């Protein structure tokens, strides 16, 4: 079967797959964009939808990247260009002169190949040819979603290449732990991020300087805070460099708590950074019932490398994948109801 996700066309059928964990956590994934379309969490005897979504899989991913796998490089690359091994590379652009989430025909707009499905997991694969959106190297990518017995959704991305290329795959789900049908209480969630530094950006979302301390700024989420309480407009669309001691899968990188304290999300990841986007530009995006979402309806928590890293080799681990290497990163989204909060405190053993 041809698995190449060529720009501007679908080479695999659009399919939706539902999988469920032993404790009742149910998710729906789609070959369109290797996306995570739905997440229904058992709360108080009912299942609560906690992901924003559109009326159809294509509608979901086309609208603000809801639930999609974004790549080949998540976030922004300034000016749509960088230098790799002394050679200039020019990319296709889709946000003014910049490249956002892989370009105008990024991985979110491809139908991935459904390679494997089990009762608790699904695996998608994609071939991205040399020159795709301007990126060098033939890339083989995969995305696996697994629902575990611990009320956790595990997302694992892997990739290999035959030539050096930047790779930064991430999921772009929007969470509303109280009302994902169209509520406007996203900014009322409590948030904690284990990060001492954030990356200031200009009006176009491009890094304006190097990393800065979160101390005494609206970006200090080291202690749990109501998101809307720290900034006048709460228009967060910024990257945070995560703490790395203890190792990142040993404790949550962040925690998000519903406004009524009924549900808590903990995110564990092997990625070095996180993009927090509070959905300022969601207004008018169509929801599952065809009605418009308001601004700030959901919170995107994108685990990734720092934005524009191809132009900043001095930042954290390299985003460049080379021939013979394997890109492999895991992010886990673990859900806890109110009576489980105290038991979740602290670190955990590394798997």
C-alpha atoms as a PDB file:
ATOM      1  CA  UNK A   1       0.000   0.000   0.000  1.00  0.00           C
ATOM      2  CA  UNK A   2       1.187   3.477  -0.827  1.00  0.00           C
ATOM      3  CA  UNK A   3       1.696   5.286   2.457  1.00  0.00           C
ATOM      4  CA  UNK A   4       3.086   8.516   1.132  1.00  0.00           C
ATOM      5  CA  UNK A   5       1.220  11.531   2.432  1.00  0.00           C
ATOM      6  CA  UNK A   6       1.822  13.755  -0.578  1.00  0.00           C
ATOM      7  CA  UNK A   7       1.000  17.444  -0.192  1.00  0.00           C
ATOM      8  CA  UNK A   8      -2.454  18.376  -1.375  1.00  0.00           C
ATOM      9  CA  UNK A   9      -3.866  14.857  -1.667  1.00  0.00           C
ATOM     10  CA  UNK A  10      -4.947  11.924   0.501  1.00  0.00           C
ATOM     11  CA  UNK A  11      -3.332   8.574  -0.296  1.00  0.00           C
ATOM     12  CA  UNK A  12      -5.038   6.579   2.476  1.00  0.00           C
ATOM     13  CA  UNK A  13      -8.736   6.192   3.338  1.00  0.00           C
ATOM     14  CA  UNK A  14     -10.222   8.366   6.058  1.00  0.00           C
ATOM     15  CA  UNK A  15     -11.082   6.143   9.008  1.00  0.00           C
ATOM     16  CA  UNK A  16     -12.079   6.747  12.617  1.00  0.00           C
ATOM     17  CA  UNK A  17     -11.087   4.272  15.321  1.00  0.00           C
ATOM     18  CA  UNK A  18     -12.546   4.065  18.817  1.00  0.00           C
ATOM     19  CA  UNK A  19     -10.523   2.466  21.597  1.00  0.00           C
ATOM     20  CA  UNK A  20     -11.311   2.081  25.268  1.00  0.00           C
ATOM     21  CA  UNK A  21      -9.352   1.372  28.422  1.00  0.00           C
ATOM     22  CA  UNK A  22     -10.196  -1.094  31.161  1.00  0.00           C
ATOM     23  CA  UNK A  23     -11.517   1.681  33.426  1.00  0.00           C
ATOM     24  CA  UNK A  24     -13.828   3.188  30.811  1.00  0.00           C
ATOM     25  CA  UNK A  25     -11.678   5.947  29.299  1.00  0.00           C
ATOM     26  CA  UNK A  26     -12.710   6.121  25.636  1.00  0.00           C
ATOM     27  CA  UNK A  27     -10.977   7.942  22.778  1.00  0.00           C
ATOM     28  CA  UNK A  28     -11.569   8.338  19.050  1.00  0.00           C
ATOM     29  CA  UNK A  29      -8.664   8.750  16.626  1.00  0.00           C
ATOM     30  CA  UNK A  30      -8.640   9.364  12.887  1.00  0.00           C
ATOM     31  CA  UNK A  31      -6.329   8.701   9.977  1.00  0.00           C
ATOM     32  CA  UNK A  32      -6.885  12.339   8.963  1.00  0.00           C
ATOM     33  CA  UNK A  33      -3.901  14.045  10.525  1.00  0.00           C
ATOM     34  CA  UNK A  34      -3.277  11.052  12.828  1.00  0.00           C
ATOM     35  CA  UNK A  35      -5.627  13.000  15.038  1.00  0.00           C
ATOM     36  CA  UNK A  36      -7.137  12.587  18.494  1.00  0.00           C
ATOM     37  CA  UNK A  37     -10.763  13.590  17.957  1.00  0.00           C
ATOM     38  CA  UNK A  38     -12.487  12.696  21.208  1.00  0.00           C
ATOM     39  CA  UNK A  39     -11.640  11.821  24.794  1.00  0.00           C
ATOM     40  CA  UNK A  40     -14.453  10.754  27.110  1.00  0.00           C
ATOM     41  CA  UNK A  41     -13.423  10.419  30.741  1.00  0.00           C
ATOM     42  CA  UNK A  42     -15.521   8.646  33.418  1.00  0.00           C
ATOM     43  CA  UNK A  43     -16.534  11.290  35.978  1.00  0.00           C
ATOM     44  CA  UNK A  44     -19.217  10.690  38.599  1.00  0.00           C
ATOM     45  CA  UNK A  45     -20.757   7.764  36.768  1.00  0.00           C
ATOM     46  CA  UNK A  46     -20.910   9.521  33.387  1.00  0.00           C
ATOM     47  CA  UNK A  47     -18.455  10.009  30.532  1.00  0.00           C
ATOM     48  CA  UNK A  48     -17.319  13.601  30.046  1.00  0.00           C
ATOM     49  CA  UNK A  49     -15.972  14.866  26.715  1.00  0.00           C
ATOM     50  CA  UNK A  50     -12.808  16.866  27.424  1.00  0.00           C
ATOM     51  CA  UNK A  51     -11.523  17.634  23.891  1.00  0.00           C
ATOM     52  CA  UNK A  52     -12.760  20.358  21.580  1.00  0.00           C
ATOM     53  CA  UNK A  53     -13.762  19.007  18.181  1.00  0.00           C
ATOM     54  CA  UNK A  54     -15.486  19.698  14.884  1.00  0.00           C
ATOM     55  CA  UNK A  55     -18.454  18.084  13.157  1.00  0.00           C
ATOM     56  CA  UNK A  56     -16.218  15.799  11.037  1.00  0.00           C
ATOM     57  CA  UNK A  57     -12.579  14.607  11.224  1.00  0.00           C
ATOM     58  CA  UNK A  58     -11.585  16.912   8.364  1.00  0.00           C
ATOM     59  CA  UNK A  59     -13.453  19.813   9.963  1.00  0.00           C
ATOM     60  CA  UNK A  60     -11.694  19.213  13.276  1.00  0.00           C
ATOM     61  CA  UNK A  61      -8.149  19.249  11.938  1.00  0.00           C
ATOM     62  CA  UNK A  62      -8.799  22.130   9.539  1.00  0.00           C
ATOM     63  CA  UNK A  63     -10.154  24.261  12.361  1.00  0.00           C
ATOM     64  CA  UNK A  64      -7.276  25.431  14.527  1.00  0.00           C
ATOM     65  CA  UNK A  65      -5.501  22.019  14.238  1.00  0.00           C
ATOM     66  CA  UNK A  66      -7.889  20.496  16.796  1.00  0.00           C
ATOM     67  CA  UNK A  67      -6.465  17.142  17.904  1.00  0.00           C
ATOM     68  CA  UNK A  68      -4.125  16.839  14.920  1.00  0.00           C
ATOM     69  CA  UNK A  69      -0.551  15.599  14.741  1.00  0.00           C
ATOM     70  CA  UNK A  70       1.382  18.648  13.589  1.00  0.00           C
ATOM     71  CA  UNK A  71       4.707  18.386  11.760  1.00  0.00           C
ATOM     72  CA  UNK A  72       7.196  17.948  10.199  1.00  0.00           C
ATOM     73  CA  UNK A  73       8.025  20.779  12.628  1.00  0.00           C
ATOM     74  CA  UNK A  74       5.442  21.858  15.215  1.00  0.00           C
ATOM     75  CA  UNK A  75       5.264  25.575  15.996  1.00  0.00           C
ATOM     76  CA  UNK A  76       7.017  28.325  13.999  1.00  0.00           C
ATOM     77  CA  UNK A  77      10.171  28.596  11.947  1.00  0.00           C
ATOM     78  CA  UNK A  78      11.035  32.252  11.427  1.00  0.00           C
ATOM     79  CA  UNK A  79      11.090  33.499   7.855  1.00  0.00           C
ATOM     80  CA  UNK A  80      10.441  29.969   6.582  1.00  0.00           C
ATOM     81  CA  UNK A  81      14.165  29.289   6.424  1.00  0.00           C
ATOM     82  CA  UNK A  82      17.174  27.971   8.323  1.00  0.00           C
ATOM     83  CA  UNK A  83      20.704  26.739   7.670  1.00  0.00           C
ATOM     84  CA  UNK A  84      21.486  23.040   7.949  1.00  0.00           C
ATOM     85  CA  UNK A  85      25.030  21.717   7.601  1.00  0.00           C
ATOM     86  CA  UNK A  86      26.095  25.020   5.995  1.00  0.00           C
ATOM     87  CA  UNK A  87      23.309  24.798   3.401  1.00  0.00           C
ATOM     88  CA  UNK A  88      20.362  27.219   3.309  1.00  0.00           C
ATOM     89  CA  UNK A  89      16.928  25.584   3.456  1.00  0.00           C
ATOM     90  CA  UNK A  90      13.794  27.430   2.366  1.00  0.00           C
ATOM     91  CA  UNK A  91      10.364  26.179   3.409  1.00  0.00           C
ATOM     92  CA  UNK A  92       6.861  26.836   2.226  1.00  0.00           C
ATOM     93  CA  UNK A  93       5.196  29.465   4.406  1.00  0.00           C
ATOM     94  CA  UNK A  94       1.660  29.685   5.768  1.00  0.00           C
ATOM     95  CA  UNK A  95       1.719  32.395   8.435  1.00  0.00           C
ATOM     96  CA  UNK A  96       2.898  35.508   6.670  1.00  0.00           C
ATOM     97  CA  UNK A  97       6.552  34.906   5.871  1.00  0.00           C
ATOM     98  CA  UNK A  98       6.852  32.176   8.517  1.00  0.00           C
ATOM     99  CA  UNK A  99       6.264  28.410   8.531  1.00  0.00           C
ATOM    100  CA  UNK A 100       3.743  27.199  11.113  1.00  0.00           C
ATOM    101  CA  UNK A 101       3.221  23.523  12.044  1.00  0.00           C
ATOM    102  CA  UNK A 102       5.038  22.178   8.996  1.00  0.00           C
ATOM    103  CA  UNK A 103       3.660  24.425   6.277  1.00  0.00           C
ATOM    104  CA  UNK A 104       0.431  24.862   4.290  1.00  0.00           C
ATOM    105  CA  UNK A 105       0.171  21.093   3.689  1.00  0.00           C
ATOM    106  CA  UNK A 106       1.615  19.852   6.961  1.00  0.00           C
ATOM    107  CA  UNK A 107       1.065  16.430   8.503  1.00  0.00           C
ATOM    108  CA  UNK A 108      -2.301  17.546   9.938  1.00  0.00           C
ATOM    109  CA  UNK A 109      -3.694  17.686   6.369  1.00  0.00           C
ATOM    110  CA  UNK A 110      -2.629  14.159   5.339  1.00  0.00           C
ATOM    111  CA  UNK A 111      -4.502  10.898   5.650  1.00  0.00           C
ATOM    112  CA  UNK A 112      -2.089   8.614   7.489  1.00  0.00           C
ATOM    113  CA  UNK A 113      -1.961   4.849   6.935  1.00  0.00           C
ATOM    114  CA  UNK A 114      -3.718   2.762   9.586  1.00  0.00           C
ATOM    115  CA  UNK A 115      -0.931   0.268  10.288  1.00  0.00           C
ATOM    116  CA  UNK A 116      -2.223  -1.510  13.381  1.00  0.00           C
ATOM    117  CA  UNK A 117      -5.143  -1.568  15.775  1.00  0.00           C
ATOM    118  CA  UNK A 118      -5.746  -3.467  19.004  1.00  0.00           C
ATOM    119  CA  UNK A 119      -8.490  -3.162  21.630  1.00  0.00           C
ATOM    120  CA  UNK A 120      -6.423  -0.531  23.455  1.00  0.00           C
ATOM    121  CA  UNK A 121      -4.163   1.090  20.837  1.00  0.00           C
ATOM    122  CA  UNK A 122      -3.884   2.325  17.263  1.00  0.00           C
ATOM    123  CA  UNK A 123      -0.820   2.971  15.100  1.00  0.00           C
ATOM    124  CA  UNK A 124      -0.660   5.406  12.161  1.00  0.00           C
ATOM    125  CA  UNK A 125       2.208   5.720   9.665  1.00  0.00           C
ATOM    126  CA  UNK A 126       3.200   8.354   7.110  1.00  0.00           C
ATOM    127  CA  UNK A 127       5.931   8.786   4.506  1.00  0.00           C
ATOM    128  CA  UNK A 128       7.058  12.368   3.944  1.00  0.00           C
ATOM    129  CA  UNK A 129       9.248  12.616   0.815  1.00  0.00           C
ATOM    130  CA  UNK A 130      12.414  14.658   0.403  1.00  0.00           C
ATOM    131  CA  UNK A 131      11.409  18.263  -0.317  1.00  0.00           C
ATOM    132  CA  UNK A 132       7.997  17.977   1.361  1.00  0.00           C
ATOM    133  CA  UNK A 133       7.088  21.613   2.210  1.00  0.00           C
ATOM    134  CA  UNK A 134      10.786  22.310   1.603  1.00  0.00           C
ATOM    135  CA  UNK A 135      12.133  19.989   4.306  1.00  0.00           C
ATOM    136  CA  UNK A 136      15.115  17.808   3.296  1.00  0.00           C
ATOM    137  CA  UNK A 137      15.232  14.041   3.633  1.00  0.00           C
ATOM    138  CA  UNK A 138      12.768  11.183   3.192  1.00  0.00           C
ATOM    139  CA  UNK A 139      11.040  10.837   6.562  1.00  0.00           C
ATOM    140  CA  UNK A 140       9.205   7.773   7.886  1.00  0.00           C
ATOM    141  CA  UNK A 141       6.920   8.808  10.759  1.00  0.00           C
ATOM    142  CA  UNK A 142       4.495   7.007  13.041  1.00  0.00           C
ATOM    143  CA  UNK A 143       2.025   7.969  15.769  1.00  0.00           C
ATOM    144  CA  UNK A 144       0.689   5.470  18.299  1.00  0.00           C
ATOM    145  CA  UNK A 145      -2.198   6.162  20.670  1.00  0.00           C
ATOM    146  CA  UNK A 146      -2.666   3.805  23.625  1.00  0.00           C
ATOM    147  CA  UNK A 147      -5.266   3.862  26.391  1.00  0.00           C
ATOM    148  CA  UNK A 148      -3.838   2.327  29.563  1.00  0.00           C
ATOM    149  CA  UNK A 149      -5.497   0.848  32.620  1.00  0.00           C
ATOM    150  CA  UNK A 150      -4.467   3.950  34.590  1.00  0.00           C
ATOM    151  CA  UNK A 151      -6.933   6.291  32.813  1.00  0.00           C
ATOM    152  CA  UNK A 152      -4.063   7.527  30.643  1.00  0.00           C
ATOM    153  CA  UNK A 153      -3.749   8.301  26.943  1.00  0.00           C
ATOM    154  CA  UNK A 154      -0.181   7.637  25.780  1.00  0.00           C
ATOM    155  CA  UNK A 155       0.954   9.234  22.516  1.00  0.00           C
ATOM    156  CA  UNK A 156       4.265   8.034  21.066  1.00  0.00           C
ATOM    157  CA  UNK A 157       5.878   9.516  17.963  1.00  0.00           C
ATOM    158  CA  UNK A 158       8.731   7.838  16.098  1.00  0.00           C
ATOM    159  CA  UNK A 159      10.572   8.853  12.938  1.00  0.00           C
ATOM    160  CA  UNK A 160      13.621   7.994  10.842  1.00  0.00           C
ATOM    161  CA  UNK A 161      15.232   9.802   7.917  1.00  0.00           C
ATOM    162  CA  UNK A 162      17.806   9.210   5.192  1.00  0.00           C
ATOM    163  CA  UNK A 163      19.157  12.771   5.458  1.00  0.00           C
ATOM    164  CA  UNK A 164      19.474  15.359   8.205  1.00  0.00           C
ATOM    165  CA  UNK A 165      16.229  17.249   8.849  1.00  0.00           C
ATOM    166  CA  UNK A 166      14.482  19.005  11.735  1.00  0.00           C
ATOM    167  CA  UNK A 167      11.694  16.927  13.304  1.00  0.00           C
ATOM    168  CA  UNK A 168       9.260  18.106  15.961  1.00  0.00           C
ATOM    169  CA  UNK A 169       5.984  16.181  16.136  1.00  0.00           C
ATOM    170  CA  UNK A 170       3.255  17.154  18.581  1.00  0.00           C
ATOM    171  CA  UNK A 171      -0.440  16.695  19.215  1.00  0.00           C
ATOM    172  CA  UNK A 172      -2.589  19.837  19.083  1.00  0.00           C
ATOM    173  CA  UNK A 173      -5.591  18.820  21.192  1.00  0.00           C
ATOM    174  CA  UNK A 174      -7.547  21.528  23.017  1.00  0.00           C
ATOM    175  CA  UNK A 175      -8.695  20.591  26.508  1.00  0.00           C
ATOM    176  CA  UNK A 176     -11.691  21.830  28.443  1.00  0.00           C
ATOM    177  CA  UNK A 177     -12.088  19.584  31.461  1.00  0.00           C
ATOM    178  CA  UNK A 178     -15.490  21.017  32.349  1.00  0.00           C
ATOM    179  CA  UNK A 179     -17.330  21.729  29.079  1.00  0.00           C
ATOM    180  CA  UNK A 180     -15.821  20.845  25.699  1.00  0.00           C
ATOM    181  CA  UNK A 181     -19.148  21.346  23.909  1.00  0.00           C
ATOM    182  CA  UNK A 182     -18.692  25.098  23.622  1.00  0.00           C
ATOM    183  CA  UNK A 183     -18.168  26.488  27.084  1.00  0.00           C
ATOM    184  CA  UNK A 184     -16.172  29.613  27.735  1.00  0.00           C
ATOM    185  CA  UNK A 185     -14.553  28.714  31.051  1.00  0.00           C
ATOM    186  CA  UNK A 186     -11.149  27.703  29.710  1.00  0.00           C
ATOM    187  CA  UNK A 187      -9.352  30.485  31.554  1.00  0.00           C
ATOM    188  CA  UNK A 188     -10.923  29.372  34.838  1.00  0.00           C
ATOM    189  CA  UNK A 189      -8.892  26.166  34.833  1.00  0.00           C
ATOM    190  CA  UNK A 190      -6.033  25.940  37.300  1.00  0.00           C
ATOM    191  CA  UNK A 191      -2.626  25.256  35.783  1.00  0.00           C
ATOM    192  CA  UNK A 192       0.785  24.269  37.079  1.00  0.00           C
ATOM    193  CA  UNK A 193       3.834  24.016  34.795  1.00  0.00           C
ATOM    194  CA  UNK A 194       7.171  22.747  36.060  1.00  0.00           C
ATOM    195  CA  UNK A 195       9.227  25.332  34.178  1.00  0.00           C
ATOM    196  CA  UNK A 196      11.638  28.016  35.382  1.00  0.00           C
ATOM    197  CA  UNK A 197      12.004  29.705  31.974  1.00  0.00           C
ATOM    198  CA  UNK A 198       9.756  30.769  29.119  1.00  0.00           C
ATOM    199  CA  UNK A 199      10.451  32.130  25.645  1.00  0.00           C
ATOM    200  CA  UNK A 200       9.270  35.713  24.903  1.00  0.00           C
ATOM    201  CA  UNK A 201       7.867  36.197  21.395  1.00  0.00           C
ATOM    202  CA  UNK A 202       6.972  39.093  19.135  1.00  0.00           C
ATOM    203  CA  UNK A 203       3.504  39.876  17.733  1.00  0.00           C
ATOM    204  CA  UNK A 204       3.915  37.114  15.123  1.00  0.00           C
ATOM    205  CA  UNK A 205       4.856  34.454  17.663  1.00  0.00           C
ATOM    206  CA  UNK A 206       8.541  34.454  16.730  1.00  0.00           C
ATOM    207  CA  UNK A 207      11.082  34.288  19.589  1.00  0.00           C
ATOM    208  CA  UNK A 208      12.054  37.861  20.427  1.00  0.00           C
ATOM    209  CA  UNK A 209      15.008  37.006  22.666  1.00  0.00           C
ATOM    210  CA  UNK A 210      16.511  34.125  24.543  1.00  0.00           C
ATOM    211  CA  UNK A 211      14.896  32.265  27.413  1.00  0.00           C
ATOM    212  CA  UNK A 212      13.804  34.398  30.351  1.00  0.00           C
ATOM    213  CA  UNK A 213      13.046  33.551  33.974  1.00  0.00           C
ATOM    214  CA  UNK A 214       9.371  33.195  34.872  1.00  0.00           C
ATOM    215  CA  UNK A 215      10.079  34.815  38.248  1.00  0.00           C
ATOM    216  CA  UNK A 216       7.764  37.790  38.927  1.00  0.00           C
ATOM    217  CA  UNK A 217       6.061  37.487  35.510  1.00  0.00           C
ATOM    218  CA  UNK A 218       2.599  36.340  34.336  1.00  0.00           C
ATOM    219  CA  UNK A 219       4.379  33.190  33.116  1.00  0.00           C
ATOM    220  CA  UNK A 220       5.108  31.840  36.583  1.00  0.00           C
ATOM    221  CA  UNK A 221       2.974  28.710  36.830  1.00  0.00           C
ATOM    222  CA  UNK A 222       5.379  26.866  39.109  1.00  0.00           C
ATOM    223  CA  UNK A 223       2.574  26.851  41.663  1.00  0.00           C
ATOM    224  CA  UNK A 224      -0.986  26.028  40.668  1.00  0.00           C
ATOM    225  CA  UNK A 225      -2.778  29.195  39.496  1.00  0.00           C
ATOM    226  CA  UNK A 226      -6.035  30.060  37.762  1.00  0.00           C
ATOM    227  CA  UNK A 227      -4.907  30.748  34.183  1.00  0.00           C
ATOM    228  CA  UNK A 228      -6.861  33.988  33.797  1.00  0.00           C
ATOM    229  CA  UNK A 229      -5.598  35.420  37.069  1.00  0.00           C
ATOM    230  CA  UNK A 230      -2.020  36.116  35.945  1.00  0.00           C
ATOM    231  CA  UNK A 231      -2.509  38.188  32.808  1.00  0.00           C
ATOM    232  CA  UNK A 232      -4.881  40.972  31.806  1.00  0.00           C
ATOM    233  CA  UNK A 233      -5.833  39.267  28.529  1.00  0.00           C
ATOM    234  CA  UNK A 234      -4.527  35.712  29.230  1.00  0.00           C
ATOM    235  CA  UNK A 235      -3.503  35.484  25.583  1.00  0.00           C
ATOM    236  CA  UNK A 236      -0.839  32.875  26.144  1.00  0.00           C
ATOM    237  CA  UNK A 237       0.815  31.369  23.076  1.00  0.00           C
ATOM    238  CA  UNK A 238       4.265  30.806  24.547  1.00  0.00           C
ATOM    239  CA  UNK A 239       6.802  28.044  25.040  1.00  0.00           C
ATOM    240  CA  UNK A 240       8.140  26.939  28.414  1.00  0.00           C
ATOM    241  CA  UNK A 241      11.402  25.046  28.913  1.00  0.00           C
ATOM    242  CA  UNK A 242      10.534  22.187  31.244  1.00  0.00           C
ATOM    243  CA  UNK A 243      12.554  21.235  34.280  1.00  0.00           C
ATOM    244  CA  UNK A 244      14.574  18.060  33.678  1.00  0.00           C
ATOM    245  CA  UNK A 245      15.396  16.917  37.207  1.00  0.00           C
ATOM    246  CA  UNK A 246      13.943  14.434  38.035  1.00  0.00           C
ATOM    247  CA  UNK A 247      13.661  12.908  34.540  1.00  0.00           C
ATOM    248  CA  UNK A 248      10.607  14.109  32.680  1.00  0.00           C
ATOM    249  CA  UNK A 249       8.613  10.867  32.738  1.00  0.00           C
ATOM    250  CA  UNK A 250       9.155  10.568  36.488  1.00  0.00           C
ATOM    251  CA  UNK A 251       6.780  13.407  37.371  1.00  0.00           C
ATOM    252  CA  UNK A 252       4.178  15.488  35.575  1.00  0.00           C
ATOM    253  CA  UNK A 253       5.421  18.336  33.436  1.00  0.00           C
ATOM    254  CA  UNK A 254       2.144  20.085  34.126  1.00  0.00           C
ATOM    255  CA  UNK A 255      -1.248  19.730  35.763  1.00  0.00           C
ATOM    256  CA  UNK A 256      -4.555  21.185  34.589  1.00  0.00           C
ATOM    257  CA  UNK A 257      -7.593  21.218  36.906  1.00  0.00           C
ATOM    258  CA  UNK A 258     -11.239  21.793  35.960  1.00  0.00           C
ATOM    259  CA  UNK A 259     -12.854  24.968  37.356  1.00  0.00           C
ATOM    260  CA  UNK A 260     -15.113  22.885  39.629  1.00  0.00           C
ATOM    261  CA  UNK A 261     -12.231  20.662  40.822  1.00  0.00           C
ATOM    262  CA  UNK A 262     -13.989  17.575  39.452  1.00  0.00           C
ATOM    263  CA  UNK A 263     -11.203  16.457  37.110  1.00  0.00           C
ATOM    264  CA  UNK A 264      -7.439  16.817  36.903  1.00  0.00           C
ATOM    265  CA  UNK A 265      -5.155  16.220  33.929  1.00  0.00           C
ATOM    266  CA  UNK A 266      -1.475  15.446  34.458  1.00  0.00           C
ATOM    267  CA  UNK A 267       0.868  15.507  31.468  1.00  0.00           C
ATOM    268  CA  UNK A 268       4.116  13.521  31.439  1.00  0.00           C
ATOM    269  CA  UNK A 269       6.527  13.882  28.519  1.00  0.00           C
ATOM    270  CA  UNK A 270      10.017  13.173  27.209  1.00  0.00           C
ATOM    271  CA  UNK A 271       9.961  16.431  25.243  1.00  0.00           C
ATOM    272  CA  UNK A 272      12.043  19.337  26.609  1.00  0.00           C
ATOM    273  CA  UNK A 273       9.454  22.089  26.136  1.00  0.00           C
ATOM    274  CA  UNK A 274       5.752  22.871  26.118  1.00  0.00           C
ATOM    275  CA  UNK A 275       3.708  25.376  24.117  1.00  0.00           C
ATOM    276  CA  UNK A 276       0.798  26.802  26.110  1.00  0.00           C
ATOM    277  CA  UNK A 277      -1.938  28.231  23.880  1.00  0.00           C
ATOM    278  CA  UNK A 278      -5.108  29.457  25.559  1.00  0.00           C
ATOM    279  CA  UNK A 279      -7.212  29.602  22.396  1.00  0.00           C
ATOM    280  CA  UNK A 280      -7.468  33.343  21.978  1.00  0.00           C
ATOM    281  CA  UNK A 281      -8.265  32.968  18.252  1.00  0.00           C
ATOM    282  CA  UNK A 282     -10.776  30.097  18.595  1.00  0.00           C
ATOM    283  CA  UNK A 283     -13.781  32.406  18.352  1.00  0.00           C
ATOM    284  CA  UNK A 284     -15.998  31.363  15.445  1.00  0.00           C
ATOM    285  CA  UNK A 285     -14.415  27.917  15.049  1.00  0.00           C
ATOM    286  CA  UNK A 286     -17.270  25.458  14.496  1.00  0.00           C
ATOM    287  CA  UNK A 287     -17.857  22.834  17.192  1.00  0.00           C
ATOM    288  CA  UNK A 288     -19.316  19.318  16.877  1.00  0.00           C
ATOM    289  CA  UNK A 289     -22.893  20.566  16.734  1.00  0.00           C
ATOM    290  CA  UNK A 290     -22.157  23.268  14.158  1.00  0.00           C
ATOM    291  CA  UNK A 291     -22.233  26.171  16.611  1.00  0.00           C
ATOM    292  CA  UNK A 292     -19.242  28.504  17.047  1.00  0.00           C
ATOM    293  CA  UNK A 293     -16.764  28.147  19.874  1.00  0.00           C
ATOM    294  CA  UNK A 294     -16.001  31.299  21.854  1.00  0.00           C
ATOM    295  CA  UNK A 295     -12.456  32.539  22.346  1.00  0.00           C
ATOM    296  CA  UNK A 296     -10.579  30.723  25.135  1.00  0.00           C
ATOM    297  CA  UNK A 297     -12.892  27.688  24.880  1.00  0.00           C
ATOM    298  CA  UNK A 298      -9.977  25.265  25.234  1.00  0.00           C
ATOM    299  CA  UNK A 299      -6.350  25.014  26.299  1.00  0.00           C
ATOM    300  CA  UNK A 300      -3.706  23.509  23.992  1.00  0.00           C
ATOM    301  CA  UNK A 301      -0.749  21.851  25.739  1.00  0.00           C
ATOM    302  CA  UNK A 302       1.729  21.012  22.972  1.00  0.00           C
ATOM    303  CA  UNK A 303       4.807  19.085  24.117  1.00  0.00           C
ATOM    304  CA  UNK A 304       7.646  19.815  21.704  1.00  0.00           C
ATOM    305  CA  UNK A 305      11.007  21.459  21.068  1.00  0.00           C
ATOM    306  CA  UNK A 306      11.227  25.214  21.437  1.00  0.00           C
ATOM    307  CA  UNK A 307       9.867  27.189  18.457  1.00  0.00           C
ATOM    308  CA  UNK A 308      12.348  28.216  15.765  1.00  0.00           C
ATOM    309  CA  UNK A 309      14.947  25.791  17.134  1.00  0.00           C
ATOM    310  CA  UNK A 310      16.396  25.121  13.634  1.00  0.00           C
ATOM    311  CA  UNK A 311      17.650  28.724  13.767  1.00  0.00           C
ATOM    312  CA  UNK A 312      18.901  28.382  17.341  1.00  0.00           C
ATOM    313  CA  UNK A 313      21.207  25.357  17.679  1.00  0.00           C
ATOM    314  CA  UNK A 314      22.280  26.710  21.078  1.00  0.00           C
ATOM    315  CA  UNK A 315      18.857  25.859  22.567  1.00  0.00           C
ATOM    316  CA  UNK A 316      18.264  22.609  24.507  1.00  0.00           C
ATOM    317  CA  UNK A 317      18.583  19.178  22.797  1.00  0.00           C
ATOM    318  CA  UNK A 318      19.012  19.338  19.025  1.00  0.00           C
ATOM    319  CA  UNK A 319      15.855  19.153  16.896  1.00  0.00           C
ATOM    320  CA  UNK A 320      17.885  17.761  13.977  1.00  0.00           C
ATOM    321  CA  UNK A 321      17.331  14.084  13.156  1.00  0.00           C
ATOM    322  CA  UNK A 322      20.076  12.414  11.124  1.00  0.00           C
ATOM    323  CA  UNK A 323      20.334   9.229   9.109  1.00  0.00           C
ATOM    324  CA  UNK A 324      20.759   6.218  11.386  1.00  0.00           C
ATOM    325  CA  UNK A 325      19.074   7.938  14.352  1.00  0.00           C
ATOM    326  CA  UNK A 326      15.566   7.297  15.678  1.00  0.00           C
ATOM    327  CA  UNK A 327      13.304  10.103  16.792  1.00  0.00           C
ATOM    328  CA  UNK A 328      11.211   8.698  19.653  1.00  0.00           C
ATOM    329  CA  UNK A 329       9.178  10.763  22.112  1.00  0.00           C
ATOM    330  CA  UNK A 330       6.260   9.962  24.378  1.00  0.00           C
ATOM    331  CA  UNK A 331       3.653  12.157  26.040  1.00  0.00           C
ATOM    332  CA  UNK A 332       1.115  10.779  28.515  1.00  0.00           C
ATOM    333  CA  UNK A 333      -2.182  12.445  29.435  1.00  0.00           C
ATOM    334  CA  UNK A 334      -3.365  11.036  32.754  1.00  0.00           C
ATOM    335  CA  UNK A 335      -6.841  11.833  34.133  1.00  0.00           C
ATOM    336  CA  UNK A 336      -7.749  11.888  37.819  1.00  0.00           C
ATOM    337  CA  UNK A 337     -11.073  12.595  39.488  1.00  0.00           C
ATOM    338  CA  UNK A 338     -11.252  14.832  42.555  1.00  0.00           C
ATOM    339  CA  UNK A 339     -10.899  12.052  45.129  1.00  0.00           C
ATOM    340  CA  UNK A 340      -7.687  10.853  43.444  1.00  0.00           C
ATOM    341  CA  UNK A 341      -5.777  14.155  43.670  1.00  0.00           C
ATOM    342  CA  UNK A 342      -3.933  13.486  46.919  1.00  0.00           C
ATOM    343  CA  UNK A 343      -2.761  10.084  45.715  1.00  0.00           C
ATOM    344  CA  UNK A 344      -1.252  11.671  42.595  1.00  0.00           C
ATOM    345  CA  UNK A 345       1.136  14.042  44.357  1.00  0.00           C
ATOM    346  CA  UNK A 346       4.876  13.712  43.824  1.00  0.00           C
ATOM    347  CA  UNK A 347       6.934  11.661  41.404  1.00  0.00           C
ATOM    348  CA  UNK A 348       6.421   8.196  40.038  1.00  0.00           C
ATOM    349  CA  UNK A 349       8.680   5.446  38.811  1.00  0.00           C
ATOM    350  CA  UNK A 350      10.026   5.699  35.293  1.00  0.00           C
ATOM    351  CA  UNK A 351       8.570   3.058  32.998  1.00  0.00           C
END
